[in-house]
N, C-alpha and C. Protein backbone atom coordinates (compact mmCIF):
# COMPACT_ATOMS: atom_id res chain seq x y z
N MET A 1 20.99 -21.11 26.80
CA MET A 1 21.41 -21.44 25.47
C MET A 1 21.00 -20.37 24.57
N ILE A 2 22.01 -19.87 23.78
CA ILE A 2 21.74 -18.85 22.81
C ILE A 2 21.51 -19.44 21.39
N VAL A 3 20.43 -19.05 20.83
CA VAL A 3 20.04 -19.62 19.51
C VAL A 3 20.33 -18.52 18.52
N THR A 4 21.07 -18.92 17.45
CA THR A 4 21.44 -17.95 16.35
C THR A 4 20.31 -17.82 15.34
N THR A 5 20.44 -16.70 14.61
CA THR A 5 19.49 -16.49 13.50
C THR A 5 19.63 -17.64 12.43
N ALA A 6 20.80 -18.12 12.19
CA ALA A 6 21.06 -19.23 11.28
C ALA A 6 20.33 -20.58 11.77
N GLN A 7 20.39 -20.74 13.07
CA GLN A 7 19.72 -21.93 13.61
C GLN A 7 18.21 -21.85 13.49
N ILE A 8 17.73 -20.63 13.77
CA ILE A 8 16.21 -20.44 13.62
C ILE A 8 15.87 -20.60 12.20
N ALA A 9 16.61 -20.00 11.27
CA ALA A 9 16.28 -20.11 9.79
C ALA A 9 16.32 -21.59 9.45
N ALA A 10 17.33 -22.35 9.78
CA ALA A 10 17.39 -23.70 9.40
C ALA A 10 16.16 -24.46 9.97
N ALA A 11 15.79 -24.22 11.15
CA ALA A 11 14.59 -24.89 11.85
C ALA A 11 13.38 -24.46 11.01
N ALA A 12 13.23 -23.25 10.64
CA ALA A 12 12.13 -22.70 9.97
C ALA A 12 11.95 -23.44 8.51
N LEU A 13 13.06 -23.47 7.86
CA LEU A 13 13.08 -24.08 6.60
C LEU A 13 12.78 -25.58 6.55
N ALA A 14 12.98 -26.23 7.73
CA ALA A 14 12.57 -27.64 7.79
C ALA A 14 11.13 -27.88 8.07
N LEU A 15 10.45 -26.83 8.34
CA LEU A 15 8.98 -26.94 8.61
C LEU A 15 8.24 -27.26 7.30
N PRO A 16 7.00 -27.85 7.37
CA PRO A 16 6.19 -28.08 6.23
C PRO A 16 5.75 -26.69 5.63
N LYS A 17 5.49 -26.66 4.30
CA LYS A 17 5.13 -25.54 3.59
C LYS A 17 4.05 -24.67 4.30
N GLU A 18 2.99 -25.29 4.72
CA GLU A 18 1.95 -24.48 5.40
C GLU A 18 2.38 -23.83 6.69
N ASP A 19 3.26 -24.42 7.37
CA ASP A 19 3.77 -23.82 8.68
C ASP A 19 4.76 -22.73 8.32
N ARG A 20 5.58 -22.83 7.18
CA ARG A 20 6.47 -21.77 6.78
C ARG A 20 5.67 -20.61 6.25
N LEU A 21 4.54 -20.86 5.64
CA LEU A 21 3.74 -19.72 5.23
C LEU A 21 3.09 -18.93 6.43
N GLU A 22 2.67 -19.68 7.39
CA GLU A 22 2.09 -19.04 8.56
C GLU A 22 3.21 -18.27 9.27
N LEU A 23 4.44 -18.83 9.35
CA LEU A 23 5.49 -18.13 10.15
C LEU A 23 5.94 -16.82 9.29
N ALA A 24 6.00 -16.97 7.93
CA ALA A 24 6.34 -15.80 7.15
C ALA A 24 5.35 -14.71 7.32
N ASP A 25 4.02 -15.06 7.35
CA ASP A 25 2.97 -14.13 7.54
C ASP A 25 3.09 -13.45 8.89
N ARG A 26 3.33 -14.18 9.95
CA ARG A 26 3.49 -13.67 11.29
C ARG A 26 4.67 -12.67 11.34
N LEU A 27 5.79 -13.04 10.77
CA LEU A 27 6.96 -12.18 10.73
C LEU A 27 6.70 -10.94 10.04
N LEU A 28 6.11 -11.01 8.84
CA LEU A 28 5.80 -9.76 8.12
C LEU A 28 4.81 -8.88 8.80
N GLU A 29 3.84 -9.47 9.47
CA GLU A 29 2.96 -8.65 10.27
C GLU A 29 3.57 -7.93 11.42
N SER A 30 4.66 -8.59 11.97
CA SER A 30 5.33 -7.98 13.14
C SER A 30 6.10 -6.74 12.71
N LEU A 31 6.36 -6.58 11.33
CA LEU A 31 7.17 -5.43 10.88
C LEU A 31 6.24 -4.26 10.58
N ASP A 32 4.87 -4.51 10.43
CA ASP A 32 3.98 -3.49 10.03
C ASP A 32 3.61 -2.47 11.13
N GLY A 33 3.65 -2.96 12.41
CA GLY A 33 3.17 -2.04 13.41
C GLY A 33 1.60 -2.13 13.59
N PRO A 34 1.12 -1.29 14.38
CA PRO A 34 -0.37 -1.33 14.64
C PRO A 34 -1.08 -0.84 13.36
N PRO A 35 -2.23 -1.35 13.14
CA PRO A 35 -3.01 -0.85 11.96
C PRO A 35 -3.41 0.58 12.07
N ASP A 36 -3.45 1.32 11.03
CA ASP A 36 -3.86 2.72 11.01
C ASP A 36 -5.35 2.71 10.46
N ASP A 37 -6.26 3.04 11.33
CA ASP A 37 -7.65 3.03 10.97
C ASP A 37 -7.94 3.90 9.77
N ASP A 38 -7.23 5.18 9.69
CA ASP A 38 -7.52 6.07 8.58
C ASP A 38 -7.00 5.52 7.31
N VAL A 39 -5.94 4.84 7.33
CA VAL A 39 -5.41 4.19 6.11
C VAL A 39 -6.36 3.09 5.64
N GLU A 40 -6.76 2.29 6.54
CA GLU A 40 -7.60 1.14 6.28
C GLU A 40 -8.89 1.69 5.69
N ARG A 41 -9.56 2.85 6.22
CA ARG A 41 -10.72 3.39 5.72
C ARG A 41 -10.48 3.98 4.31
N ALA A 42 -9.39 4.60 4.19
CA ALA A 42 -9.03 5.15 2.78
C ALA A 42 -8.88 4.07 1.68
N TRP A 43 -8.25 2.97 2.08
CA TRP A 43 -8.15 1.87 1.08
C TRP A 43 -9.59 1.25 0.81
N ALA A 44 -10.39 1.10 1.81
CA ALA A 44 -11.72 0.58 1.63
C ALA A 44 -12.49 1.49 0.69
N ASP A 45 -12.37 2.77 0.93
CA ASP A 45 -13.07 3.81 0.10
C ASP A 45 -12.60 3.71 -1.33
N GLU A 46 -11.29 3.57 -1.56
CA GLU A 46 -10.71 3.54 -2.89
C GLU A 46 -11.13 2.23 -3.57
N ILE A 47 -11.20 1.12 -2.94
CA ILE A 47 -11.66 -0.11 -3.47
C ILE A 47 -13.20 0.01 -3.89
N ASP A 48 -14.05 0.62 -3.04
CA ASP A 48 -15.34 0.85 -3.33
C ASP A 48 -15.51 1.73 -4.54
N ARG A 49 -14.70 2.82 -4.67
CA ARG A 49 -14.77 3.73 -5.81
C ARG A 49 -14.41 3.02 -7.03
N ARG A 50 -13.33 2.22 -7.07
CA ARG A 50 -12.96 1.51 -8.25
C ARG A 50 -13.97 0.49 -8.68
N LEU A 51 -14.50 -0.26 -7.70
CA LEU A 51 -15.48 -1.28 -8.04
C LEU A 51 -16.64 -0.61 -8.65
N GLU A 52 -17.17 0.51 -8.16
CA GLU A 52 -18.27 1.25 -8.76
C GLU A 52 -17.97 1.74 -10.17
N GLU A 53 -16.74 2.12 -10.46
CA GLU A 53 -16.39 2.53 -11.83
C GLU A 53 -16.51 1.34 -12.73
N VAL A 54 -16.04 0.07 -12.30
CA VAL A 54 -16.19 -1.07 -13.12
C VAL A 54 -17.73 -1.47 -13.36
N ARG A 55 -18.46 -1.41 -12.27
CA ARG A 55 -19.79 -1.88 -12.37
C ARG A 55 -20.71 -0.93 -13.23
N SER A 56 -20.28 0.45 -13.20
CA SER A 56 -21.02 1.37 -13.95
C SER A 56 -20.73 1.46 -15.44
N GLY A 57 -19.57 0.79 -15.75
CA GLY A 57 -19.18 0.76 -17.13
C GLY A 57 -18.09 2.03 -17.39
N LYS A 58 -17.91 2.79 -16.43
CA LYS A 58 -16.96 3.92 -16.56
C LYS A 58 -15.60 3.50 -16.96
N VAL A 59 -15.18 2.48 -16.52
CA VAL A 59 -13.94 1.79 -16.86
C VAL A 59 -14.16 0.38 -17.26
N ALA A 60 -13.31 -0.15 -18.06
CA ALA A 60 -13.40 -1.57 -18.54
C ALA A 60 -12.27 -2.35 -17.98
N THR A 61 -12.46 -3.57 -17.67
CA THR A 61 -11.39 -4.45 -17.22
C THR A 61 -10.72 -5.12 -18.45
N ILE A 62 -9.54 -5.60 -18.20
CA ILE A 62 -8.85 -6.32 -19.25
C ILE A 62 -8.47 -7.77 -18.72
N PRO A 63 -8.30 -8.70 -19.51
CA PRO A 63 -7.88 -10.01 -19.10
C PRO A 63 -6.47 -9.95 -18.38
N TRP A 64 -6.21 -10.86 -17.48
CA TRP A 64 -4.91 -10.87 -16.68
C TRP A 64 -3.75 -10.94 -17.72
N GLU A 65 -3.90 -11.82 -18.73
CA GLU A 65 -2.83 -12.01 -19.73
C GLU A 65 -2.42 -10.67 -20.31
N GLU A 66 -3.39 -9.83 -20.72
CA GLU A 66 -3.11 -8.57 -21.29
C GLU A 66 -2.49 -7.56 -20.25
N ALA A 67 -3.03 -7.62 -19.00
CA ALA A 67 -2.46 -6.72 -18.00
C ALA A 67 -0.94 -7.13 -17.66
N ARG A 68 -0.71 -8.45 -17.58
CA ARG A 68 0.60 -8.93 -17.31
C ARG A 68 1.53 -8.51 -18.46
N LYS A 69 1.13 -8.63 -19.71
CA LYS A 69 1.91 -8.15 -20.79
C LYS A 69 2.23 -6.67 -20.70
N ARG A 70 1.26 -5.86 -20.38
CA ARG A 70 1.58 -4.49 -20.29
C ARG A 70 2.54 -4.13 -19.17
N ILE A 71 2.36 -4.83 -18.10
CA ILE A 71 3.20 -4.63 -16.88
C ILE A 71 4.68 -4.99 -17.27
N PHE A 72 4.90 -6.04 -17.90
CA PHE A 72 6.20 -6.42 -18.28
C PHE A 72 6.80 -5.51 -19.35
N GLU A 73 5.99 -5.07 -20.26
CA GLU A 73 6.46 -4.09 -21.18
C GLU A 73 6.94 -2.82 -20.62
N ASP A 74 6.11 -2.36 -19.62
CA ASP A 74 6.53 -1.16 -18.93
C ASP A 74 7.89 -1.36 -18.16
N THR A 75 7.95 -2.53 -17.51
CA THR A 75 9.17 -2.84 -16.77
C THR A 75 10.39 -2.93 -17.71
N ASP A 76 10.17 -3.52 -18.85
CA ASP A 76 11.30 -3.68 -19.78
C ASP A 76 11.72 -2.32 -20.31
N ALA A 77 10.78 -1.40 -20.52
CA ALA A 77 11.14 -0.09 -21.04
C ALA A 77 11.87 0.69 -20.02
N ASP A 78 11.61 0.44 -18.70
CA ASP A 78 12.34 1.13 -17.62
C ASP A 78 13.80 0.67 -17.55
N ASP A 79 14.07 -0.52 -18.04
CA ASP A 79 15.40 -1.05 -17.98
C ASP A 79 16.36 -0.52 -19.02
N SER A 80 15.85 0.09 -20.05
CA SER A 80 16.60 0.48 -21.20
C SER A 80 17.20 1.89 -20.98
């Protein structure tokens, strides 16, 4: 029996939310390929660097509402 993509999608959409989330996560992971240890290390180093900047007071954080406003202002400016 051949199962079509449409049949798989219909079955997947009938799953409970948590199961759909798990399936989506697994599908997305399958597209990534194997992890690159150098990239993982570089991201970890970058996170550590940024965290240290915040902790030392070199940079200041802003509330999410302000960040969101700035993001959408930049996006709106790109559309014009």
